[in-house]
């Protein structure tokens, strides 16, 4: 969501720098049921109704991340251990059976991890063996033997 500009007469936080100019709330739909929210809406194109209807949405992916904790108990209770990784990549092991890696960089990265892709921002690779390549801006959850 974008930052909204709050007119001076509607500002509630008078401390400096203040928190009024912050991301606007996500509207429930593009129809604009909210008439006068505290933070004026800048753009209603990202909205809950559209996220619910789109299987490729961030909302659906977030629900799948939460659901992945059930079949992969190490995501819930496994100990955390950071793994060696290239610049811009954060990789860690959870317990004995899970590896998570996130490429925060703008270039593909090679990481040394073996396992089956359980969940990925690149949905096409799910269920496949991980091939050591992690695209820019992508992340994976791997199950390992």
N, C-alpha and C. Protein backbone atom coordinates (compact mmCIF):
# COMPACT_ATOMS: atom_id res chain seq x y z
N UNK A 1 0.84 -1.16 0.00
CA UNK A 1 0.00 0.00 0.00
C UNK A 1 0.89 1.24 0.00
N UNK A 2 0.40 2.26 -0.63
CA UNK A 2 1.16 3.50 -0.74
C UNK A 2 0.96 4.38 0.48
N UNK A 3 1.93 5.27 0.70
CA UNK A 3 1.78 6.26 1.76
C UNK A 3 0.69 7.24 1.35
N UNK A 4 -0.14 7.62 2.30
CA UNK A 4 -1.18 8.60 2.04
C UNK A 4 -0.79 9.96 2.58
N UNK A 5 -1.27 10.97 1.97
CA UNK A 5 -1.03 12.33 2.45
C UNK A 5 -2.23 12.75 3.28
N UNK A 6 -2.00 13.06 4.53
CA UNK A 6 -3.07 13.46 5.43
C UNK A 6 -3.09 14.99 5.49
N UNK A 7 -4.23 15.60 5.11
CA UNK A 7 -4.31 17.07 5.18
C UNK A 7 -4.10 17.54 6.63
N UNK A 8 -3.49 18.70 6.82
CA UNK A 8 -3.17 19.18 8.18
C UNK A 8 -4.36 19.17 9.13
N UNK A 9 -5.54 19.49 8.66
CA UNK A 9 -6.71 19.55 9.54
C UNK A 9 -7.18 18.17 10.00
N UNK A 10 -6.69 17.09 9.35
CA UNK A 10 -7.09 15.73 9.73
C UNK A 10 -6.00 14.99 10.50
N UNK A 11 -4.85 15.62 10.72
CA UNK A 11 -3.76 14.95 11.42
C UNK A 11 -4.13 14.72 12.87
N UNK A 12 -3.85 13.50 13.33
CA UNK A 12 -4.13 13.12 14.71
C UNK A 12 -2.87 13.07 15.56
N UNK A 13 -1.74 12.83 14.93
CA UNK A 13 -0.47 12.72 15.64
C UNK A 13 0.31 14.01 15.41
N UNK A 14 0.38 14.82 16.42
CA UNK A 14 1.00 16.14 16.25
C UNK A 14 2.47 16.15 16.64
N UNK A 15 2.99 15.02 17.10
CA UNK A 15 4.41 14.93 17.39
C UNK A 15 5.19 14.89 16.08
N UNK A 16 6.41 15.35 16.10
CA UNK A 16 7.26 15.31 14.92
C UNK A 16 8.14 14.08 14.99
N UNK A 17 8.37 13.30 13.96
CA UNK A 17 7.86 13.52 12.62
C UNK A 17 6.42 13.07 12.45
N UNK A 18 5.84 12.42 13.43
CA UNK A 18 4.45 11.99 13.33
C UNK A 18 4.30 10.71 12.55
N UNK A 19 3.16 10.05 12.73
CA UNK A 19 2.91 8.78 12.07
C UNK A 19 1.78 8.88 11.06
N UNK A 20 1.23 10.06 10.90
CA UNK A 20 0.06 10.19 10.02
C UNK A 20 0.37 9.81 8.57
N UNK A 21 1.48 10.27 8.04
CA UNK A 21 1.81 9.94 6.64
C UNK A 21 2.41 8.54 6.61
N UNK A 22 1.55 7.57 6.53
CA UNK A 22 1.98 6.18 6.53
C UNK A 22 1.17 5.43 5.49
N UNK A 23 1.51 4.14 5.32
CA UNK A 23 0.75 3.34 4.36
C UNK A 23 -0.72 3.40 4.71
N UNK A 24 -1.51 3.52 3.68
CA UNK A 24 -2.95 3.56 3.89
C UNK A 24 -3.47 2.17 4.19
N UNK A 25 -4.64 2.08 4.80
CA UNK A 25 -5.23 0.76 5.03
C UNK A 25 -5.58 0.09 3.71
N UNK A 26 -5.59 -1.24 3.69
CA UNK A 26 -6.00 -1.94 2.49
C UNK A 26 -7.53 -1.96 2.45
N UNK A 27 -8.11 -1.47 1.36
CA UNK A 27 -9.58 -1.48 1.27
C UNK A 27 -10.09 -2.90 1.06
N UNK A 28 -11.31 -3.14 1.50
CA UNK A 28 -11.92 -4.45 1.33
C UNK A 28 -12.25 -4.72 -0.13
N UNK A 29 -12.58 -3.68 -0.89
CA UNK A 29 -12.86 -3.87 -2.32
C UNK A 29 -12.51 -2.59 -3.06
N UNK A 30 -12.49 -2.68 -4.39
CA UNK A 30 -12.20 -1.50 -5.20
C UNK A 30 -13.39 -0.56 -5.26
N UNK A 31 -14.54 -1.02 -4.82
CA UNK A 31 -15.75 -0.21 -4.90
C UNK A 31 -15.71 1.00 -3.98
N UNK A 32 -14.83 1.00 -3.00
CA UNK A 32 -14.67 2.17 -2.15
C UNK A 32 -15.75 2.34 -1.11
N UNK A 33 -16.02 1.29 -0.34
CA UNK A 33 -17.01 1.40 0.73
C UNK A 33 -16.59 2.39 1.80
N UNK A 34 -15.29 2.54 2.00
CA UNK A 34 -14.82 3.50 3.00
C UNK A 34 -15.02 4.90 2.47
N UNK A 35 -15.73 5.68 3.20
CA UNK A 35 -16.01 7.05 2.75
C UNK A 35 -15.03 8.06 3.29
N UNK A 36 -14.55 7.85 4.53
CA UNK A 36 -13.72 8.87 5.13
C UNK A 36 -12.71 8.25 6.11
N UNK A 37 -11.81 7.37 5.64
CA UNK A 37 -10.86 6.77 6.57
C UNK A 37 -9.87 7.81 7.09
N UNK A 38 -9.31 7.52 8.26
CA UNK A 38 -8.33 8.43 8.85
C UNK A 38 -7.19 8.71 7.88
N UNK A 39 -6.61 7.65 7.30
CA UNK A 39 -5.59 7.83 6.27
C UNK A 39 -6.29 7.75 4.92
N UNK A 40 -6.37 8.85 4.19
CA UNK A 40 -7.06 8.82 2.90
C UNK A 40 -6.46 7.79 1.96
N UNK A 41 -7.32 7.04 1.30
CA UNK A 41 -6.87 6.01 0.36
C UNK A 41 -6.27 6.64 -0.87
N UNK A 42 -5.13 6.12 -1.30
CA UNK A 42 -4.44 6.62 -2.48
C UNK A 42 -4.84 5.81 -3.70
N UNK A 43 -4.93 4.50 -3.53
CA UNK A 43 -5.19 3.60 -4.64
C UNK A 43 -5.96 2.40 -4.10
N UNK A 44 -7.11 2.09 -4.69
CA UNK A 44 -7.89 0.95 -4.21
C UNK A 44 -7.72 -0.29 -5.10
N UNK A 45 -6.79 -0.24 -6.05
CA UNK A 45 -6.61 -1.41 -6.91
C UNK A 45 -6.07 -2.61 -6.13
N UNK A 46 -5.13 -2.45 -5.18
CA UNK A 46 -4.85 -3.61 -4.32
C UNK A 46 -5.91 -3.64 -3.22
N UNK A 47 -6.73 -4.68 -3.22
CA UNK A 47 -7.79 -4.75 -2.22
C UNK A 47 -8.05 -6.21 -1.86
N UNK A 48 -8.71 -6.41 -0.74
CA UNK A 48 -8.92 -7.75 -0.21
C UNK A 48 -9.76 -8.61 -1.16
N UNK A 49 -10.82 -8.05 -1.71
CA UNK A 49 -11.70 -8.83 -2.59
C UNK A 49 -10.93 -9.39 -3.78
N UNK A 50 -10.10 -8.56 -4.40
CA UNK A 50 -9.31 -9.04 -5.55
C UNK A 50 -8.25 -10.06 -5.12
N UNK A 51 -7.63 -9.86 -3.94
CA UNK A 51 -6.65 -10.82 -3.43
C UNK A 51 -7.30 -12.18 -3.18
N UNK A 52 -8.51 -12.18 -2.63
CA UNK A 52 -9.21 -13.44 -2.38
C UNK A 52 -9.54 -14.17 -3.68
N UNK A 53 -9.82 -13.43 -4.72
CA UNK A 53 -10.22 -14.02 -6.00
C UNK A 53 -9.04 -14.50 -6.84
N UNK A 54 -7.83 -14.06 -6.52
CA UNK A 54 -6.65 -14.35 -7.33
C UNK A 54 -5.78 -15.42 -6.66
N UNK A 55 -5.74 -16.66 -7.20
CA UNK A 55 -4.93 -17.72 -6.58
C UNK A 55 -3.44 -17.40 -6.54
N UNK A 56 -2.97 -16.45 -7.35
CA UNK A 56 -1.55 -16.09 -7.36
C UNK A 56 -1.27 -14.86 -6.48
N UNK A 57 -2.23 -14.45 -5.68
CA UNK A 57 -2.08 -13.23 -4.88
C UNK A 57 -1.18 -13.43 -3.67
N UNK A 58 -0.75 -12.33 -3.11
CA UNK A 58 0.03 -12.35 -1.88
C UNK A 58 -0.79 -12.95 -0.74
N UNK A 59 -2.07 -12.68 -0.68
CA UNK A 59 -2.92 -13.25 0.36
C UNK A 59 -2.92 -14.78 0.29
N UNK A 60 -3.10 -15.34 -0.91
CA UNK A 60 -3.09 -16.80 -1.05
C UNK A 60 -1.74 -17.38 -0.68
N UNK A 61 -0.66 -16.72 -1.12
CA UNK A 61 0.68 -17.22 -0.81
C UNK A 61 0.92 -17.18 0.70
N UNK A 62 0.48 -16.13 1.36
CA UNK A 62 0.65 -16.03 2.81
C UNK A 62 -0.11 -17.14 3.51
N UNK A 63 -1.30 -17.43 3.04
CA UNK A 63 -2.07 -18.55 3.63
C UNK A 63 -1.35 -19.88 3.42
N UNK A 64 -0.71 -20.04 2.27
CA UNK A 64 0.03 -21.28 2.00
C UNK A 64 1.28 -21.37 2.87
N UNK A 65 1.92 -20.23 3.14
CA UNK A 65 3.06 -20.23 4.05
C UNK A 65 2.63 -20.70 5.44
N UNK A 66 1.50 -20.19 5.90
CA UNK A 66 0.99 -20.59 7.21
C UNK A 66 0.63 -22.08 7.20
N UNK A 67 -0.02 -22.53 6.14
CA UNK A 67 -0.41 -23.94 6.04
C UNK A 67 0.80 -24.87 5.97
N UNK A 68 1.93 -24.41 5.45
CA UNK A 68 3.12 -25.26 5.33
C UNK A 68 3.65 -25.68 6.69
N UNK A 69 3.30 -24.98 7.72
CA UNK A 69 3.77 -25.32 9.06
C UNK A 69 3.16 -26.64 9.55
N UNK A 70 2.00 -27.02 9.04
CA UNK A 70 1.35 -28.26 9.52
C UNK A 70 2.13 -29.49 9.07
N UNK A 71 2.39 -29.68 7.76
CA UNK A 71 3.10 -30.90 7.35
C UNK A 71 4.61 -30.86 7.61
N UNK A 72 5.14 -29.68 7.95
CA UNK A 72 6.58 -29.54 8.19
C UNK A 72 6.78 -29.05 9.63
N UNK A 73 6.70 -29.94 10.61
CA UNK A 73 6.76 -29.50 12.01
C UNK A 73 8.02 -28.73 12.37
N UNK A 74 9.14 -28.98 11.68
CA UNK A 74 10.35 -28.22 12.00
C UNK A 74 10.18 -26.73 11.74
N UNK A 75 9.25 -26.35 10.86
CA UNK A 75 8.99 -24.91 10.66
C UNK A 75 8.39 -24.29 11.91
N UNK A 76 7.72 -25.11 12.72
CA UNK A 76 7.11 -24.61 13.96
C UNK A 76 8.06 -24.69 15.14
N UNK A 77 8.73 -25.83 15.27
CA UNK A 77 9.46 -26.09 16.50
C UNK A 77 10.95 -26.36 16.32
N UNK A 78 11.41 -26.46 15.09
CA UNK A 78 12.82 -26.75 14.86
C UNK A 78 13.71 -25.59 15.25
N UNK A 79 14.91 -25.91 15.72
CA UNK A 79 15.84 -24.85 16.08
C UNK A 79 16.33 -24.13 14.83
N UNK A 80 16.68 -22.86 15.00
CA UNK A 80 17.14 -22.00 13.91
C UNK A 80 18.66 -22.03 13.85
N UNK A 81 19.17 -22.20 12.63
CA UNK A 81 20.62 -22.10 12.42
C UNK A 81 20.85 -21.43 11.07
N UNK A 82 21.50 -20.28 11.11
CA UNK A 82 21.78 -19.56 9.86
C UNK A 82 22.80 -20.35 9.05
N UNK A 83 22.60 -20.37 7.73
CA UNK A 83 23.50 -21.09 6.83
C UNK A 83 24.36 -20.10 6.06
N UNK A 84 25.54 -20.54 5.71
CA UNK A 84 26.41 -19.72 4.88
C UNK A 84 25.72 -19.52 3.54
N UNK A 85 25.74 -18.29 3.06
CA UNK A 85 25.06 -18.00 1.79
C UNK A 85 25.72 -16.82 1.10
N UNK A 86 25.48 -16.68 -0.21
CA UNK A 86 26.08 -15.57 -0.95
C UNK A 86 25.50 -14.23 -0.51
N UNK A 87 26.14 -13.14 -0.92
CA UNK A 87 25.60 -11.82 -0.60
C UNK A 87 24.14 -11.70 -1.07
N UNK A 88 23.34 -10.99 -0.32
CA UNK A 88 21.93 -10.73 -0.61
C UNK A 88 21.02 -11.94 -0.40
N UNK A 89 21.57 -13.06 0.04
CA UNK A 89 20.74 -14.24 0.30
C UNK A 89 20.76 -14.52 1.80
N UNK A 90 19.59 -14.74 2.35
CA UNK A 90 19.45 -15.15 3.74
C UNK A 90 18.96 -16.59 3.71
N UNK A 91 19.74 -17.49 4.26
CA UNK A 91 19.38 -18.90 4.26
C UNK A 91 19.54 -19.43 5.68
N UNK A 92 18.60 -20.29 6.07
CA UNK A 92 18.67 -20.87 7.40
C UNK A 92 18.04 -22.25 7.41
N UNK A 93 18.43 -22.99 8.40
CA UNK A 93 17.89 -24.32 8.60
C UNK A 93 16.98 -24.27 9.81
N UNK A 94 15.83 -24.95 9.70
CA UNK A 94 14.93 -25.12 10.84
C UNK A 94 14.92 -26.60 11.16
N UNK A 95 15.40 -26.93 12.33
CA UNK A 95 15.46 -28.32 12.73
C UNK A 95 16.34 -29.12 11.80
N UNK A 96 15.97 -30.37 11.61
CA UNK A 96 16.75 -31.26 10.76
C UNK A 96 16.15 -31.44 9.38
N UNK A 97 14.91 -30.98 9.17
CA UNK A 97 14.23 -31.33 7.93
C UNK A 97 13.87 -30.16 7.01
N UNK A 98 14.17 -28.93 7.40
CA UNK A 98 13.76 -27.78 6.57
C UNK A 98 14.90 -26.80 6.36
N UNK A 99 14.97 -26.29 5.14
CA UNK A 99 15.85 -25.18 4.80
C UNK A 99 14.98 -24.11 4.16
N UNK A 100 15.22 -22.88 4.55
CA UNK A 100 14.51 -21.73 3.97
C UNK A 100 15.58 -20.81 3.41
N UNK A 101 15.35 -20.30 2.20
CA UNK A 101 16.30 -19.37 1.59
C UNK A 101 15.52 -18.28 0.87
N UNK A 102 16.00 -17.05 1.04
CA UNK A 102 15.36 -15.89 0.43
C UNK A 102 16.44 -15.06 -0.25
N UNK A 103 16.26 -14.80 -1.53
CA UNK A 103 17.19 -13.96 -2.28
C UNK A 103 16.64 -12.54 -2.30
N UNK A 104 17.26 -11.66 -1.54
CA UNK A 104 16.83 -10.28 -1.45
C UNK A 104 17.50 -9.39 -2.49
N UNK A 105 18.33 -9.99 -3.33
CA UNK A 105 19.08 -9.23 -4.31
C UNK A 105 18.39 -9.12 -5.66
N UNK A 106 19.06 -8.42 -6.58
CA UNK A 106 18.53 -8.17 -7.91
C UNK A 106 19.07 -9.16 -8.95
N UNK A 107 19.91 -10.10 -8.52
CA UNK A 107 20.48 -11.09 -9.44
C UNK A 107 20.24 -12.50 -8.90
N UNK A 108 20.16 -13.45 -9.83
CA UNK A 108 20.05 -14.85 -9.43
C UNK A 108 21.25 -15.22 -8.57
N UNK A 109 21.03 -16.10 -7.61
CA UNK A 109 22.10 -16.54 -6.72
C UNK A 109 22.16 -18.06 -6.71
N UNK A 110 23.36 -18.57 -6.50
CA UNK A 110 23.57 -20.01 -6.36
C UNK A 110 23.76 -20.30 -4.87
N UNK A 111 22.97 -21.23 -4.37
CA UNK A 111 23.14 -21.62 -2.98
C UNK A 111 23.31 -23.13 -2.91
N UNK A 112 24.12 -23.55 -1.96
CA UNK A 112 24.38 -24.97 -1.79
C UNK A 112 23.35 -25.54 -0.82
N UNK A 113 22.26 -26.03 -1.38
CA UNK A 113 21.22 -26.65 -0.56
C UNK A 113 20.55 -27.74 -1.39
N UNK A 114 20.34 -28.84 -0.77
CA UNK A 114 19.68 -29.96 -1.45
C UNK A 114 18.36 -30.23 -0.75
N UNK A 115 17.34 -30.51 -1.53
CA UNK A 115 16.05 -30.85 -0.95
C UNK A 115 14.94 -30.70 -1.97
N UNK A 116 13.76 -31.04 -1.55
CA UNK A 116 12.56 -30.93 -2.39
C UNK A 116 11.90 -29.60 -2.09
N UNK A 117 11.50 -28.87 -3.14
CA UNK A 117 10.85 -27.58 -2.98
C UNK A 117 9.43 -27.81 -2.49
N UNK A 118 9.16 -27.39 -1.26
CA UNK A 118 7.83 -27.51 -0.68
C UNK A 118 6.97 -26.31 -1.02
N UNK A 119 7.56 -25.13 -0.97
CA UNK A 119 6.84 -23.90 -1.28
C UNK A 119 7.85 -22.92 -1.86
N UNK A 120 7.43 -22.20 -2.88
CA UNK A 120 8.35 -21.28 -3.54
C UNK A 120 7.58 -20.10 -4.10
N UNK A 121 8.25 -18.96 -4.13
CA UNK A 121 7.65 -17.81 -4.81
C UNK A 121 7.61 -18.07 -6.31
N UNK A 122 8.47 -18.96 -6.80
CA UNK A 122 8.41 -19.43 -8.18
C UNK A 122 7.58 -20.71 -8.15
N UNK A 123 6.30 -20.58 -8.26
CA UNK A 123 5.37 -21.69 -8.04
C UNK A 123 5.65 -22.89 -8.93
N UNK A 124 6.29 -22.70 -10.07
CA UNK A 124 6.54 -23.79 -11.01
C UNK A 124 7.49 -24.84 -10.45
N UNK A 125 8.34 -24.47 -9.50
CA UNK A 125 9.35 -25.42 -9.00
C UNK A 125 8.86 -26.27 -7.83
N UNK A 126 7.66 -26.03 -7.33
CA UNK A 126 7.17 -26.77 -6.17
C UNK A 126 7.04 -28.26 -6.48
N UNK A 127 7.48 -29.08 -5.53
CA UNK A 127 7.44 -30.53 -5.70
C UNK A 127 8.66 -31.08 -6.40
N UNK A 128 9.50 -30.22 -6.91
CA UNK A 128 10.70 -30.63 -7.65
C UNK A 128 11.93 -30.57 -6.74
N UNK A 129 13.01 -31.29 -7.12
CA UNK A 129 14.27 -31.12 -6.40
C UNK A 129 14.80 -29.70 -6.63
N UNK A 130 15.40 -29.11 -5.61
CA UNK A 130 15.97 -27.77 -5.74
C UNK A 130 17.23 -27.85 -6.58
N UNK A 131 17.39 -26.91 -7.52
CA UNK A 131 18.52 -26.98 -8.46
C UNK A 131 19.64 -25.99 -8.14
N UNK A 132 19.75 -25.51 -6.93
CA UNK A 132 20.80 -24.61 -6.46
C UNK A 132 20.65 -23.17 -6.93
N UNK A 133 19.70 -22.87 -7.80
CA UNK A 133 19.52 -21.50 -8.29
C UNK A 133 18.30 -20.86 -7.64
N UNK A 134 18.50 -19.65 -7.15
CA UNK A 134 17.42 -18.91 -6.52
C UNK A 134 17.32 -17.56 -7.23
N UNK A 135 16.21 -17.36 -7.90
CA UNK A 135 16.02 -16.15 -8.68
C UNK A 135 16.01 -14.89 -7.82
N UNK A 136 16.27 -13.77 -8.46
CA UNK A 136 16.22 -12.49 -7.77
C UNK A 136 14.85 -12.27 -7.16
N UNK A 137 14.82 -11.90 -5.89
CA UNK A 137 13.57 -11.63 -5.22
C UNK A 137 12.74 -12.86 -4.89
N UNK A 138 13.31 -14.04 -5.00
CA UNK A 138 12.56 -15.28 -4.76
C UNK A 138 12.97 -15.94 -3.45
N UNK A 139 12.09 -16.83 -3.00
CA UNK A 139 12.37 -17.59 -1.79
C UNK A 139 11.84 -19.01 -1.91
N UNK A 140 12.41 -19.91 -1.11
CA UNK A 140 11.98 -21.31 -1.13
C UNK A 140 11.97 -21.88 0.28
N UNK A 141 11.11 -22.86 0.46
CA UNK A 141 11.17 -23.74 1.63
C UNK A 141 11.45 -25.13 1.09
N UNK A 142 12.53 -25.73 1.59
CA UNK A 142 12.93 -27.07 1.15
C UNK A 142 12.75 -28.06 2.29
N UNK A 143 12.31 -29.27 1.92
CA UNK A 143 12.36 -30.37 2.88
C UNK A 143 13.58 -31.19 2.52
N UNK A 144 14.33 -31.57 3.54
CA UNK A 144 15.57 -32.32 3.33
C UNK A 144 15.48 -33.64 4.07
N UNK A 145 16.22 -34.62 3.59
CA UNK A 145 16.24 -35.94 4.24
C UNK A 145 17.16 -35.94 5.44
